[in-house]
Structure formats: C-alpha cells, structure tokens
Amino acid sequence: ITMWQHKWALWSGCLGATASCVGKIAFTDNPMSPLYALKENVCDVHLQSEVDAMLLDIVYWILGDLMIKYDINLMPYWRTIRLKMEDIVLQLGIFEVDWCQALLLIPRIGCFVLMLIVNAYMIGSFLKGMKDSGSVVGTALSSGANFVFSALYGYTLWGERFSHT
C-alpha cells in the first residue's frame, strides 16, 4: 500500500486547516492578520483623511462653484433649503463613518465565502478519503494532516511559537 492511496484523506486535512486559517483572517483583529496590517498601514494612515477631504471637496464644490454659477445663492428660499440639507447631512453622519472598517468588509466577506467553499471541498475530499482509505485510517490521516498544516499556518502567518516540552 502506497502513501498516495491516502491522498484524499491527507488533502482533506490540508483543506480543513486552510479553511480555518482563512476564517481566522476574516474574523480576527490579531495584529499578525493581513487585514489588520492593511487597516494599520493603509487605512488609518491614508484612507480616512483622503475620504474626509474628498467629501469636503464635494461639499465645497456644490456650495461654492455651483451656487455662484447657477445663482442658487440668490434664490428666495435658499437659506431654508441649505439649513435643511445641513441637518440631513449631520443626521446621516457621513463624516463620522469609519470608511476603513466599511472598506475592510469586502475582504472579510470574501474570506468568509472562501472559507465556506474550501470547507465544502474539504468535506467532499474527506468522504472520498474515507472511501479510499477506510473510515478509521481516513479520519486519522485527515486529523493528522489538519494538525500539521494548522501548526504550519500558525507558525508562518500568525507568529505562533511551539513548545518543545
């Protein structure tokens, strides 16, 4: 019996560890997480100030250039309209939104969906591995591979250290 006879059981363990790792990326605020690094290095430094500046530029453009160009500021009820618009903008809290957290939802949702897909594929390969290797051997090999790959992911991606005792 060769080791490759058990490839599906081993593969399912690798996929299980991968799905767990992707899930951890999606849902953790661990400083070692790639999404945390993105938030710290890109969002907090650049994005929030750029979005706020862009929103202010749009407001100034609307209130400044367009008002003068189309004589909006000379309209009889403009002051009432402007005050209502300001109240609406303040109630919506557009300038209080954490745009970085909103932007990070996209990769978090992507990681969650990827985790579900990898888990579905893992279940299929686990069942095939149990069929090819037998239920006891297939389960043991899958669990062992999952343990090894989880340790490798933890060491390389998350900075986890092993105890030798």
Protein backbone atom coordinates (compact mmCIF):
# COMPACT_ATOMS: atom_id res chain seq x y z
CA ILE A 1 0.00 0.00 0.00
CA THR A 2 1.44 3.34 -1.01
CA MET A 3 1.03 6.66 0.73
CA TRP A 4 -0.67 8.13 -2.35
CA GLN A 5 -3.58 5.78 -1.77
CA HIS A 6 -4.41 8.07 1.16
CA LYS A 7 -4.02 11.34 -0.75
CA TRP A 8 -7.68 12.37 -0.37
CA ALA A 9 -7.59 11.93 3.41
CA LEU A 10 -4.39 13.97 3.63
CA TRP A 11 -5.76 16.59 1.24
CA SER A 12 -8.93 16.99 3.32
CA GLY A 13 -6.79 17.71 6.40
CA CYS A 14 -4.86 20.36 4.49
CA LEU A 15 -8.11 21.92 3.24
CA GLY A 16 -9.59 21.92 6.75
CA ALA A 17 -6.56 23.79 8.11
CA THR A 18 -6.68 26.21 5.17
CA ALA A 19 -10.36 26.93 5.75
CA SER A 20 -9.66 27.60 9.42
CA CYS A 21 -6.80 29.93 8.54
CA VAL A 22 -8.95 31.88 6.05
CA GLY A 23 -11.71 32.08 8.67
CA LYS A 24 -9.23 33.45 11.19
CA ILE A 25 -8.17 36.09 8.67
CA ALA A 26 -11.80 37.06 8.16
CA PHE A 27 -12.81 37.33 11.80
CA THR A 28 -9.80 38.23 13.94
CA ASP A 29 -8.26 41.52 14.98
CA ASN A 30 -4.95 39.78 15.66
CA PRO A 31 -2.06 42.19 14.88
CA MET A 32 -0.48 39.43 12.74
CA SER A 33 -3.54 39.26 10.45
CA PRO A 34 -3.08 40.60 6.91
CA LEU A 35 -6.33 42.57 7.26
CA TYR A 36 -5.11 44.14 10.50
CA ALA A 37 -1.88 45.14 8.76
CA LEU A 38 -3.93 46.63 5.90
CA LYS A 39 -6.01 48.59 8.40
CA GLU A 40 -2.99 49.86 10.33
CA ASN A 41 -0.71 50.67 7.39
CA VAL A 42 -3.12 51.88 4.72
CA CYS A 43 -6.50 52.75 6.14
CA ASP A 44 -5.58 54.53 9.34
CA VAL A 45 -2.77 56.48 7.71
CA HIS A 46 -4.18 57.39 4.30
CA LEU A 47 -7.76 56.38 3.62
CA GLN A 48 -9.70 58.14 6.38
CA SER A 49 -8.13 61.54 5.77
CA GLU A 50 -8.42 61.16 1.98
CA VAL A 51 -12.12 60.23 2.14
CA ASP A 52 -12.90 63.09 4.52
CA ALA A 53 -11.00 65.52 2.28
CA MET A 54 -12.84 64.22 -0.79
CA LEU A 55 -16.24 64.63 0.90
CA LEU A 56 -15.35 68.17 1.97
CA ASP A 57 -14.22 69.00 -1.58
CA ILE A 58 -17.56 67.77 -2.95
CA VAL A 59 -19.49 69.86 -0.41
CA TYR A 60 -17.42 72.96 -1.18
CA TRP A 61 -17.84 72.38 -4.91
CA ILE A 62 -21.61 72.11 -4.56
CA LEU A 63 -21.93 75.03 -2.18
CA GLY A 64 -19.36 77.21 -3.88
CA ASP A 65 -18.98 76.85 -7.62
CA LEU A 66 -22.46 75.58 -8.44
CA MET A 67 -24.20 78.15 -6.27
CA ILE A 68 -22.37 81.01 -7.94
CA LYS A 69 -22.63 79.52 -11.44
CA TYR A 70 -26.38 78.99 -11.30
CA ASP A 71 -27.22 81.86 -8.89
CA ILE A 72 -28.54 79.39 -6.35
CA ASN A 73 -27.47 81.64 -3.52
CA LEU A 74 -29.87 84.32 -4.85
CA MET A 75 -32.93 82.05 -4.67
CA PRO A 76 -35.52 83.33 -2.15
CA TYR A 77 -35.71 80.16 -0.04
CA TRP A 78 -32.07 79.10 -0.36
CA ARG A 79 -31.19 79.68 3.30
CA THR A 80 -34.03 77.38 4.44
CA ILE A 81 -33.06 74.70 1.91
CA ARG A 82 -29.38 74.93 2.85
CA LEU A 83 -30.11 74.60 6.57
CA LYS A 84 -32.30 71.53 5.94
CA MET A 85 -29.58 69.99 3.78
CA GLU A 86 -27.02 70.58 6.52
CA ASP A 87 -29.31 68.94 9.08
CA ILE A 88 -29.77 65.89 6.82
CA VAL A 89 -26.01 65.54 6.26
CA LEU A 90 -25.37 65.79 10.00
CA GLN A 91 -28.11 63.26 10.81
CA LEU A 92 -26.71 60.78 8.27
CA GLY A 93 -23.31 61.12 9.91
CA ILE A 94 -21.46 60.94 6.60
CA PHE A 95 -18.34 62.48 8.09
CA GLU A 96 -18.47 60.15 11.11
CA VAL A 97 -18.41 56.86 9.16
CA ASP A 98 -15.28 54.76 9.65
CA TRP A 99 -14.64 54.25 5.94
CA CYS A 100 -11.75 51.94 6.68
CA GLN A 101 -13.96 49.46 8.54
CA ALA A 102 -16.53 49.69 5.75
CA LEU A 103 -13.82 49.01 3.16
CA LEU A 104 -12.49 46.04 5.16
CA LEU A 105 -15.92 44.40 4.98
CA ILE A 106 -15.23 43.47 1.35
CA PRO A 107 -12.16 41.25 2.01
CA ARG A 108 -13.75 39.93 5.22
CA ILE A 109 -16.84 38.79 3.31
CA GLY A 110 -14.58 37.38 0.58
CA CYS A 111 -12.60 35.40 3.16
CA PHE A 112 -15.83 34.12 4.72
CA VAL A 113 -17.14 32.93 1.34
CA LEU A 114 -13.75 31.36 0.53
CA MET A 115 -13.84 29.57 3.89
CA LEU A 116 -17.26 28.10 3.06
CA ILE A 117 -16.10 26.95 -0.39
CA VAL A 118 -12.91 25.37 0.95
CA ASN A 119 -14.90 23.63 3.71
CA ALA A 120 -17.34 22.22 1.17
CA TYR A 121 -14.46 20.90 -0.93
CA MET A 122 -12.80 19.55 2.23
CA ILE A 123 -15.92 17.56 3.14
CA GLY A 124 -16.02 16.04 -0.34
CA SER A 125 -12.36 15.07 -0.23
CA PHE A 126 -12.75 13.74 3.33
CA LEU A 127 -15.59 11.46 2.25
CA LYS A 128 -13.56 10.28 -0.73
CA GLY A 129 -10.56 9.75 1.57
CA MET A 130 -12.65 7.62 3.94
CA LYS A 131 -13.87 5.58 0.98
CA ASP A 132 -10.33 5.04 -0.36
CA SER A 133 -8.53 4.55 2.98
CA GLY A 134 -11.24 3.26 5.28
CA SER A 135 -13.03 5.28 7.90
CA VAL A 136 -10.52 4.88 10.75
CA VAL A 137 -7.37 5.44 8.67
CA GLY A 138 -9.01 8.24 6.66
CA THR A 139 -10.12 10.04 9.81
CA ALA A 140 -6.72 9.63 11.48
CA LEU A 141 -4.80 10.85 8.43
CA SER A 142 -7.14 13.79 7.89
CA SER A 143 -6.86 14.82 11.54
CA GLY A 144 -3.09 14.46 11.48
CA ALA A 145 -2.72 16.49 8.30
CA ASN A 146 -5.04 19.13 9.73
CA PHE A 147 -2.91 19.31 12.87
CA VAL A 148 0.35 19.66 10.91
CA PHE A 149 -0.96 22.27 8.48
CA SER A 150 -2.63 24.24 11.27
CA ALA A 151 0.71 24.34 13.07
CA LEU A 152 2.49 25.48 9.88
CA TYR A 153 -0.09 28.22 9.25
CA GLY A 154 0.11 29.32 12.88
CA TYR A 155 3.89 29.48 12.79
CA THR A 156 4.28 31.19 9.39
CA LEU A 157 1.24 33.50 9.24
CA TRP A 158 0.33 34.20 12.85
CA GLY A 159 3.69 34.15 14.58
CA GLU A 160 2.70 31.36 16.97
CA ARG A 161 5.59 29.55 18.62
CA PHE A 162 5.91 25.86 19.50
CA SER A 163 6.75 24.50 22.92
CA HIS A 164 9.31 21.69 22.89
CA THR A 165 8.27 20.26 26.23
